[in-house]
């Protein structure tokens, strides 16, 4: 029950168990919770065991590169 959970879990409508899971089936698709997007993405969007999808990691890395220049 999410009503007794921390605000983060309530905001993203995910329990701690599914947040930490390497995969969960959502609408019949194997997915993982992306920490950057705050939503479940298909496993094909992730590299290996990473917790952020490729598109968000790319944006994050680009921002870091810009800051260094």
Foldseek 3Di string as FASTA:
>chain_A
DCVPPDPLCVVLVHDPVQQPDQWDQDPNATWHQAPVVSHTDGPVQPDDSDRHGPVVVVVVVVVVVVVVD
